[in-house]
PDB file of N, CA and C in Angstrom:
ATOM      1  N   UNK A   1      -5.995   9.519 -12.262  1.00  0.00           N
ATOM      2  CA  UNK A   1      -6.242   8.430 -13.191  1.00  0.00           C
ATOM      3  C   UNK A   1      -7.746   8.170 -13.333  1.00  0.00           C
ATOM      4  N   UNK A   2      -8.542   9.084 -12.827  1.00  0.00           N
ATOM      5  CA  UNK A   2      -9.990   8.924 -12.913  1.00  0.00           C
ATOM      6  C   UNK A   2     -10.410   8.777 -14.370  1.00  0.00           C
ATOM      7  N   UNK A   3     -11.285   7.827 -14.617  1.00  0.00           N
ATOM      8  CA  UNK A   3     -11.753   7.578 -15.962  1.00  0.00           C
ATOM      9  C   UNK A   3     -10.869   6.637 -16.754  1.00  0.00           C
ATOM     10  N   UNK A   4      -9.715   6.278 -16.205  1.00  0.00           N
ATOM     11  CA  UNK A   4      -8.804   5.336 -16.849  1.00  0.00           C
ATOM     12  C   UNK A   4      -9.165   3.928 -16.394  1.00  0.00           C
ATOM     13  N   UNK A   5      -8.700   2.953 -17.127  1.00  0.00           N
ATOM     14  CA  UNK A   5      -8.945   1.561 -16.785  1.00  0.00           C
ATOM     15  C   UNK A   5      -7.864   1.083 -15.819  1.00  0.00           C
ATOM     16  N   UNK A   6      -7.875   1.653 -14.586  1.00  0.00           N
ATOM     17  CA  UNK A   6      -6.840   1.387 -13.595  1.00  0.00           C
ATOM     18  C   UNK A   6      -7.491   1.109 -12.242  1.00  0.00           C
ATOM     19  N   UNK A   7      -6.949   0.137 -11.533  1.00  0.00           N
ATOM     20  CA  UNK A   7      -7.390  -0.165 -10.176  1.00  0.00           C
ATOM     21  C   UNK A   7      -6.167  -0.097  -9.281  1.00  0.00           C
ATOM     22  N   UNK A   8      -6.281   0.589  -8.147  1.00  0.00           N
ATOM     23  CA  UNK A   8      -5.187   0.673  -7.182  1.00  0.00           C
ATOM     24  C   UNK A   8      -5.510  -0.204  -5.988  1.00  0.00           C
ATOM     25  N   UNK A   9      -4.529  -0.961  -5.539  1.00  0.00           N
ATOM     26  CA  UNK A   9      -4.645  -1.815  -4.361  1.00  0.00           C
ATOM     27  C   UNK A   9      -3.478  -1.519  -3.442  1.00  0.00           C
ATOM     28  N   UNK A  10      -3.695  -1.638  -2.154  1.00  0.00           N
ATOM     29  CA  UNK A  10      -2.623  -1.411  -1.192  1.00  0.00           C
ATOM     30  C   UNK A  10      -2.390  -2.695  -0.412  1.00  0.00           C
ATOM     31  N   UNK A  11      -1.135  -3.030  -0.211  1.00  0.00           N
ATOM     32  CA  UNK A  11      -0.756  -4.188   0.591  1.00  0.00           C
ATOM     33  C   UNK A  11       0.117  -3.676   1.725  1.00  0.00           C
ATOM     34  N   UNK A  12      -0.249  -4.000   2.954  1.00  0.00           N
ATOM     35  CA  UNK A  12       0.526  -3.536   4.096  1.00  0.00           C
ATOM     36  C   UNK A  12       0.749  -4.699   5.045  1.00  0.00           C
ATOM     37  N   UNK A  13       1.991  -5.113   5.162  1.00  0.00           N
ATOM     38  CA  UNK A  13       2.328  -6.217   6.054  1.00  0.00           C
ATOM     39  C   UNK A  13       3.079  -5.761   7.284  1.00  0.00           C
ATOM     40  N   UNK A  14       3.030  -4.452   7.566  1.00  0.00           N
ATOM     41  CA  UNK A  14       3.803  -3.893   8.671  1.00  0.00           C
ATOM     42  C   UNK A  14       2.901  -3.218   9.699  1.00  0.00           C
ATOM     43  N   UNK A  15       2.060  -2.304   9.238  1.00  0.00           N
ATOM     44  CA  UNK A  15       1.258  -1.479  10.141  1.00  0.00           C
ATOM     45  C   UNK A  15      -0.060  -2.154  10.530  1.00  0.00           C
ATOM     46  N   UNK A  16      -0.633  -1.674  11.625  1.00  0.00           N
ATOM     47  CA  UNK A  16      -1.923  -2.181  12.065  1.00  0.00           C
ATOM     48  C   UNK A  16      -3.024  -1.649  11.148  1.00  0.00           C
ATOM     49  N   UNK A  17      -4.142  -2.360  11.056  1.00  0.00           N
ATOM     50  CA  UNK A  17      -5.258  -1.861  10.249  1.00  0.00           C
ATOM     51  C   UNK A  17      -5.715  -0.458  10.663  1.00  0.00           C
ATOM     52  N   UNK A  18      -5.671  -0.147  11.951  1.00  0.00           N
ATOM     53  CA  UNK A  18      -6.074   1.194  12.402  1.00  0.00           C
ATOM     54  C   UNK A  18      -5.142   2.269  11.863  1.00  0.00           C
ATOM     55  N   UNK A  19      -3.846   2.004  11.880  1.00  0.00           N
ATOM     56  CA  UNK A  19      -2.884   2.983  11.371  1.00  0.00           C
ATOM     57  C   UNK A  19      -3.077   3.185   9.870  1.00  0.00           C
ATOM     58  N   UNK A  20      -3.267   2.089   9.142  1.00  0.00           N
ATOM     59  CA  UNK A  20      -3.484   2.186   7.695  1.00  0.00           C
ATOM     60  C   UNK A  20      -4.791   2.912   7.403  1.00  0.00           C
ATOM     61  N   UNK A  21      -5.823   2.637   8.174  1.00  0.00           N
ATOM     62  CA  UNK A  21      -7.110   3.317   7.980  1.00  0.00           C
ATOM     63  C   UNK A  21      -6.943   4.823   8.127  1.00  0.00           C
ATOM     64  N   UNK A  22      -6.132   5.246   9.095  1.00  0.00           N
ATOM     65  CA  UNK A  22      -5.867   6.672   9.274  1.00  0.00           C
ATOM     66  C   UNK A  22      -5.146   7.266   8.077  1.00  0.00           C
ATOM     67  N   UNK A  23      -4.173   6.532   7.545  1.00  0.00           N
ATOM     68  CA  UNK A  23      -3.432   6.972   6.359  1.00  0.00           C
ATOM     69  C   UNK A  23      -4.372   7.108   5.166  1.00  0.00           C
ATOM     70  N   UNK A  24      -5.206   6.106   4.967  1.00  0.00           N
ATOM     71  CA  UNK A  24      -6.145   6.153   3.845  1.00  0.00           C
ATOM     72  C   UNK A  24      -7.128   7.306   3.994  1.00  0.00           C
ATOM     73  N   UNK A  25      -7.617   7.513   5.213  1.00  0.00           N
ATOM     74  CA  UNK A  25      -8.575   8.593   5.461  1.00  0.00           C
ATOM     75  C   UNK A  25      -7.912   9.953   5.247  1.00  0.00           C
ATOM     76  N   UNK A  26      -6.732  10.155   5.820  1.00  0.00           N
ATOM     77  CA  UNK A  26      -6.029  11.433   5.687  1.00  0.00           C
ATOM     78  C   UNK A  26      -5.715  11.762   4.227  1.00  0.00           C
ATOM     79  N   UNK A  27      -5.373  10.743   3.459  1.00  0.00           N
ATOM     80  CA  UNK A  27      -5.044  10.953   2.047  1.00  0.00           C
ATOM     81  C   UNK A  27      -6.252  10.901   1.135  1.00  0.00           C
ATOM     82  N   UNK A  28      -7.421  10.635   1.722  1.00  0.00           N
ATOM     83  CA  UNK A  28      -8.678  10.501   0.964  1.00  0.00           C
ATOM     84  C   UNK A  28      -8.571   9.423  -0.116  1.00  0.00           C
ATOM     85  N   UNK A  29      -7.883   8.315   0.249  1.00  0.00           N
ATOM     86  CA  UNK A  29      -7.752   7.176  -0.650  1.00  0.00           C
ATOM     87  C   UNK A  29      -8.911   6.212  -0.408  1.00  0.00           C
ATOM     88  N   UNK A  30      -9.378   5.581  -1.467  1.00  0.00           N
ATOM     89  CA  UNK A  30     -10.503   4.647  -1.351  1.00  0.00           C
ATOM     90  C   UNK A  30     -10.128   3.233  -1.788  1.00  0.00           C
ATOM     91  N   UNK A  31      -8.841   2.986  -2.000  1.00  0.00           N
ATOM     92  CA  UNK A  31      -8.412   1.680  -2.489  1.00  0.00           C
ATOM     93  C   UNK A  31      -8.531   0.618  -1.413  1.00  0.00           C
ATOM     94  N   UNK A  32      -8.790  -0.621  -1.821  1.00  0.00           N
ATOM     95  CA  UNK A  32      -8.798  -1.718  -0.842  1.00  0.00           C
ATOM     96  C   UNK A  32      -7.377  -2.008  -0.364  1.00  0.00           C
ATOM     97  N   UNK A  33      -7.279  -2.627   0.810  1.00  0.00           N
ATOM     98  CA  UNK A  33      -5.968  -2.913   1.396  1.00  0.00           C
ATOM     99  C   UNK A  33      -5.946  -4.323   1.978  1.00  0.00           C
ATOM    100  N   UNK A  34      -4.850  -5.042   1.710  1.00  0.00           N
ATOM    101  CA  UNK A  34      -4.616  -6.354   2.324  1.00  0.00           C
ATOM    102  C   UNK A  34      -3.677  -6.147   3.503  1.00  0.00           C
ATOM    103  N   UNK A  35      -4.002  -6.759   4.632  1.00  0.00           N
ATOM    104  CA  UNK A  35      -3.233  -6.587   5.862  1.00  0.00           C
ATOM    105  C   UNK A  35      -2.571  -7.878   6.298  1.00  0.00           C
ATOM    106  N   UNK A  36      -1.553  -7.717   7.124  1.00  0.00           N
ATOM    107  CA  UNK A  36      -0.916  -8.862   7.779  1.00  0.00           C
ATOM    108  C   UNK A  36      -1.881  -9.407   8.830  1.00  0.00           C
ATOM    109  N   UNK A  37      -1.998 -10.725   8.862  1.00  0.00           N
ATOM    110  CA  UNK A  37      -2.816 -11.380   9.877  1.00  0.00           C
ATOM    111  C   UNK A  37      -1.948 -12.434  10.562  1.00  0.00           C
ATOM    112  N   UNK A  38      -2.504 -13.082  11.552  1.00  0.00           N
ATOM    113  CA  UNK A  38      -1.772 -14.160  12.227  1.00  0.00           C
ATOM    114  C   UNK A  38      -1.499 -15.314  11.261  1.00  0.00           C
ATOM    115  N   UNK A  39      -2.352 -15.474  10.265  1.00  0.00           N
ATOM    116  CA  UNK A  39      -2.217 -16.599   9.332  1.00  0.00           C
ATOM    117  C   UNK A  39      -1.344 -16.285   8.121  1.00  0.00           C
ATOM    118  N   UNK A  40      -1.287 -15.019   7.713  1.00  0.00           N
ATOM    119  CA  UNK A  40      -0.555 -14.698   6.476  1.00  0.00           C
ATOM    120  C   UNK A  40      -0.059 -13.258   6.482  1.00  0.00           C
ATOM    121  N   UNK A  41       1.055 -13.057   5.793  1.00  0.00           N
ATOM    122  CA  UNK A  41       1.607 -11.720   5.618  1.00  0.00           C
ATOM    123  C   UNK A  41       1.671 -11.442   4.112  1.00  0.00           C
ATOM    124  N   UNK A  42       0.907 -10.459   3.638  1.00  0.00           N
ATOM    125  CA  UNK A  42       0.902 -10.197   2.193  1.00  0.00           C
ATOM    126  C   UNK A  42       2.275  -9.815   1.650  1.00  0.00           C
ATOM    127  N   UNK A  43       3.139  -9.275   2.482  1.00  0.00           N
ATOM    128  CA  UNK A  43       4.481  -8.935   2.006  1.00  0.00           C
ATOM    129  C   UNK A  43       5.245 -10.201   1.628  1.00  0.00           C
ATOM    130  N   UNK A  44       5.045 -11.273   2.373  1.00  0.00           N
ATOM    131  CA  UNK A  44       5.689 -12.549   2.026  1.00  0.00           C
ATOM    132  C   UNK A  44       5.017 -13.176   0.807  1.00  0.00           C
ATOM    133  N   UNK A  45       3.708 -13.111   0.772  1.00  0.00           N
ATOM    134  CA  UNK A  45       2.965 -13.694  -0.352  1.00  0.00           C
ATOM    135  C   UNK A  45       3.391 -13.051  -1.667  1.00  0.00           C
ATOM    136  N   UNK A  46       3.585 -11.715  -1.668  1.00  0.00           N
ATOM    137  CA  UNK A  46       3.938 -10.981  -2.883  1.00  0.00           C
ATOM    138  C   UNK A  46       5.439 -10.718  -3.007  1.00  0.00           C
ATOM    139  N   UNK A  47       6.231 -11.323  -2.144  1.00  0.00           N
ATOM    140  CA  UNK A  47       7.701 -11.200  -2.172  1.00  0.00           C
ATOM    141  C   UNK A  47       8.181  -9.753  -2.108  1.00  0.00           C
ATOM    142  N   UNK A  48       7.546  -8.955  -1.263  1.00  0.00           N
ATOM    143  CA  UNK A  48       7.954  -7.565  -1.066  1.00  0.00           C
ATOM    144  C   UNK A  48       9.058  -7.546  -0.016  1.00  0.00           C
ATOM    145  N   UNK A  49      10.208  -6.985  -0.381  1.00  0.00           N
ATOM    146  CA  UNK A  49      11.324  -6.915   0.552  1.00  0.00           C
ATOM    147  C   UNK A  49      11.522  -5.512   1.099  1.00  0.00           C
ATOM    148  N   UNK A  50      11.098  -4.507   0.358  1.00  0.00           N
ATOM    149  CA  UNK A  50      11.300  -3.113   0.770  1.00  0.00           C
ATOM    150  C   UNK A  50      10.012  -2.327   0.571  1.00  0.00           C
ATOM    151  N   UNK A  51       9.804  -1.350   1.437  1.00  0.00           N
ATOM    152  CA  UNK A  51       8.625  -0.491   1.328  1.00  0.00           C
ATOM    153  C   UNK A  51       9.076   0.933   1.037  1.00  0.00           C
ATOM    154  N   UNK A  52       8.409   1.604   0.148  1.00  0.00           N
ATOM    155  CA  UNK A  52       7.308   1.089  -0.662  1.00  0.00           C
ATOM    156  C   UNK A  52       7.806   0.381  -1.917  1.00  0.00           C
ATOM    157  N   UNK A  53       7.055  -0.608  -2.350  1.00  0.00           N
ATOM    158  CA  UNK A  53       7.291  -1.280  -3.628  1.00  0.00           C
ATOM    159  C   UNK A  53       6.016  -1.141  -4.439  1.00  0.00           C
ATOM    160  N   UNK A  54       6.160  -0.735  -5.689  1.00  0.00           N
ATOM    161  CA  UNK A  54       5.001  -0.559  -6.547  1.00  0.00           C
ATOM    162  C   UNK A  54       5.078  -1.559  -7.692  1.00  0.00           C
ATOM    163  N   UNK A  55       3.921  -2.122  -8.028  1.00  0.00           N
ATOM    164  CA  UNK A  55       3.799  -3.035  -9.151  1.00  0.00           C
ATOM    165  C   UNK A  55       2.728  -2.501 -10.090  1.00  0.00           C
ATOM    166  N   UNK A  56       2.927  -2.704 -11.368  1.00  0.00           N
ATOM    167  CA  UNK A  56       1.877  -2.488 -12.353  1.00  0.00           C
ATOM    168  C   UNK A  56       1.582  -3.875 -12.912  1.00  0.00           C
ATOM    169  N   UNK A  57       0.322  -4.265 -12.809  1.00  0.00           N
ATOM    170  CA  UNK A  57      -0.099  -5.585 -13.261  1.00  0.00           C
ATOM    171  C   UNK A  57      -1.041  -5.406 -14.438  1.00  0.00           C
ATOM    172  N   UNK A  58      -0.728  -6.066 -15.536  1.00  0.00           N
ATOM    173  CA  UNK A  58      -1.526  -5.945 -16.744  1.00  0.00           C
ATOM    174  C   UNK A  58      -2.847  -6.677 -16.653  1.00  0.00           C
ATOM    175  N   UNK A  59      -3.675  -6.482 -17.656  1.00  0.00           N
ATOM    176  CA  UNK A  59      -4.985  -7.137 -17.698  1.00  0.00           C
ATOM    177  C   UNK A  59      -4.866  -8.659 -17.684  1.00  0.00           C
ATOM    178  N   UNK A  60      -3.715  -9.167 -18.134  1.00  0.00           N
ATOM    179  CA  UNK A  60      -3.497 -10.611 -18.161  1.00  0.00           C
ATOM    180  C   UNK A  60      -3.053 -11.163 -16.807  1.00  0.00           C
ATOM    181  N   UNK A  61      -2.915 -10.272 -15.807  1.00  0.00           N
ATOM    182  CA  UNK A  61      -2.519 -10.688 -14.462  1.00  0.00           C
ATOM    183  C   UNK A  61      -1.029 -10.781 -14.251  1.00  0.00           C
ATOM    184  N   UNK A  62      -0.244 -10.440 -15.268  1.00  0.00           N
ATOM    185  CA  UNK A  62       1.208 -10.504 -15.153  1.00  0.00           C
ATOM    186  C   UNK A  62       1.785  -9.136 -14.793  1.00  0.00           C
ATOM    187  N   UNK A  63       2.872  -9.158 -14.021  1.00  0.00           N
ATOM    188  CA  UNK A  63       3.541  -7.911 -13.640  1.00  0.00           C
ATOM    189  C   UNK A  63       4.216  -7.325 -14.876  1.00  0.00           C
ATOM    190  N   UNK A  64       3.882  -6.062 -15.175  1.00  0.00           N
ATOM    191  CA  UNK A  64       4.497  -5.385 -16.322  1.00  0.00           C
ATOM    192  C   UNK A  64       5.588  -4.423 -15.880  1.00  0.00           C
ATOM    193  N   UNK A  65       5.559  -4.005 -14.608  1.00  0.00           N
ATOM    194  CA  UNK A  65       6.593  -3.108 -14.087  1.00  0.00           C
ATOM    195  C   UNK A  65       6.643  -3.245 -12.572  1.00  0.00           C
ATOM    196  N   UNK A  66       7.837  -3.029 -12.026  1.00  0.00           N
ATOM    197  CA  UNK A  66       8.044  -3.072 -10.570  1.00  0.00           C
ATOM    198  C   UNK A  66       9.118  -2.062 -10.232  1.00  0.00           C
ATOM    199  N   UNK A  67       8.899  -1.330  -9.165  1.00  0.00           N
ATOM    200  CA  UNK A  67       9.910  -0.384  -8.716  1.00  0.00           C
ATOM    201  C   UNK A  67       9.840  -0.255  -7.204  1.00  0.00           C
ATOM    202  N   UNK A  68      10.969   0.055  -6.610  1.00  0.00           N
ATOM    203  CA  UNK A  68      11.055   0.224  -5.162  1.00  0.00           C
ATOM    204  C   UNK A  68      11.322   1.693  -4.870  1.00  0.00           C
ATOM    205  N   UNK A  69      10.510   2.269  -3.986  1.00  0.00           N
ATOM    206  CA  UNK A  69      10.720   3.648  -3.569  1.00  0.00           C
ATOM    207  C   UNK A  69      10.578   4.672  -4.679  1.00  0.00           C
ATOM    208  N   UNK A  70       9.746   4.382  -5.650  1.00  0.00           N
ATOM    209  CA  UNK A  70       9.616   5.265  -6.814  1.00  0.00           C
ATOM    210  C   UNK A  70       8.955   6.585  -6.460  1.00  0.00           C
ATOM    211  N   UNK A  71       9.260   7.585  -7.266  1.00  0.00           N
ATOM    212  CA  UNK A  71       8.618   8.882  -7.131  1.00  0.00           C
ATOM    213  C   UNK A  71       7.282   8.851  -7.861  1.00  0.00           C
ATOM    214  N   UNK A  72       6.465   9.843  -7.607  1.00  0.00           N
ATOM    215  CA  UNK A  72       5.182   9.964  -8.284  1.00  0.00           C
ATOM    216  C   UNK A  72       5.373  10.025  -9.794  1.00  0.00           C
ATOM    217  N   UNK A  73       6.416  10.703 -10.242  1.00  0.00           N
ATOM    218  CA  UNK A  73       6.701  10.812 -11.674  1.00  0.00           C
ATOM    219  C   UNK A  73       6.991   9.435 -12.265  1.00  0.00           C
ATOM    220  N   UNK A  74       7.784   8.634 -11.577  1.00  0.00           N
ATOM    221  CA  UNK A  74       8.116   7.298 -12.065  1.00  0.00           C
ATOM    222  C   UNK A  74       6.882   6.402 -12.096  1.00  0.00           C
ATOM    223  N   UNK A  75       6.066   6.475 -11.069  1.00  0.00           N
ATOM    224  CA  UNK A  75       4.846   5.664 -11.030  1.00  0.00           C
ATOM    225  C   UNK A  75       3.927   6.049 -12.186  1.00  0.00           C
ATOM    226  N   UNK A  76       3.782   7.340 -12.432  1.00  0.00           N
ATOM    227  CA  UNK A  76       2.937   7.802 -13.542  1.00  0.00           C
ATOM    228  C   UNK A  76       3.482   7.303 -14.879  1.00  0.00           C
ATOM    229  N   UNK A  77       4.804   7.304 -15.047  1.00  0.00           N
ATOM    230  CA  UNK A  77       5.417   6.813 -16.281  1.00  0.00           C
ATOM    231  C   UNK A  77       5.107   5.330 -16.473  1.00  0.00           C
ATOM    232  N   UNK A  78       5.192   4.554 -15.402  1.00  0.00           N
ATOM    233  CA  UNK A  78       4.900   3.125 -15.474  1.00  0.00           C
ATOM    234  C   UNK A  78       3.436   2.884 -15.850  1.00  0.00           C
ATOM    235  N   UNK A  79       2.534   3.648 -15.243  1.00  0.00           N
ATOM    236  CA  UNK A  79       1.115   3.494 -15.544  1.00  0.00           C
ATOM    237  C   UNK A  79       0.808   3.892 -16.979  1.00  0.00           C
ATOM    238  N   UNK A  80       1.370   5.002 -17.427  1.00  0.00           N
ATOM    239  CA  UNK A  80       1.158   5.445 -18.810  1.00  0.00           C
ATOM    240  C   UNK A  80       1.647   4.391 -19.804  1.00  0.00           C
ATOM    241  N   UNK A  81       2.807   3.802 -19.505  1.00  0.00           N
ATOM    242  CA  UNK A  81       3.339   2.764 -20.387  1.00  0.00           C
ATOM    243  C   UNK A  81       2.423   1.553 -20.423  1.00  0.00           C
ATOM    244  N   UNK A  82       1.901   1.159 -19.270  1.00  0.00           N
ATOM    245  CA  UNK A  82       1.003   0.001 -19.196  1.00  0.00           C
ATOM    246  C   UNK A  82      -0.306   0.255 -19.933  1.00  0.00           C
ATOM    247  N   UNK A  83      -0.737   1.521 -19.940  1.00  0.00           N
ATOM    248  CA  UNK A  83      -1.982   1.887 -20.625  1.00  0.00           C
ATOM    249  C   UNK A  83      -1.762   2.226 -22.096  1.00  0.00           C
ATOM    250  N   UNK A  84      -0.505   2.173 -22.531  1.00  0.00           N
ATOM    251  CA  UNK A  84      -0.207   2.471 -23.932  1.00  0.00           C
ATOM    252  C   UNK A  84      -0.223   3.953 -24.246  1.00  0.00           C
ATOM    253  N   UNK A  85       0.020   4.780 -23.224  1.00  0.00           N
ATOM    254  CA  UNK A  85       0.051   6.228 -23.403  1.00  0.00           C
ATOM    255  C   UNK A  85       1.481   6.716 -23.327  1.00  0.00           C
ATOM    256  N   UNK A  86       1.713   7.916 -23.824  1.00  0.00           N
ATOM    257  CA  UNK A  86       3.062   8.482 -23.761  1.00  0.00           C
ATOM    258  C   UNK A  86       3.220   9.360 -22.560  1.00  0.00           C
TER     259      UNK A  86
END
């Protein structure tokens, strides 16, 4: 999606920051990540019940698509639709 108007964010309310850091490093991902802390769990804040859950959020801040356990093909379809591409 390089060059597209897309930002990827990761929310992890299960694993430790060290484990997630290893995952991000191994996959060569550079996205920011929100972690569970003693004060808050992002999975509760975002009402995530199952992992993985993917959301596409439009420029207006509203969720345009949500899927649980989606394949790469499904995620790409959701992103293309949000960007107005076929």
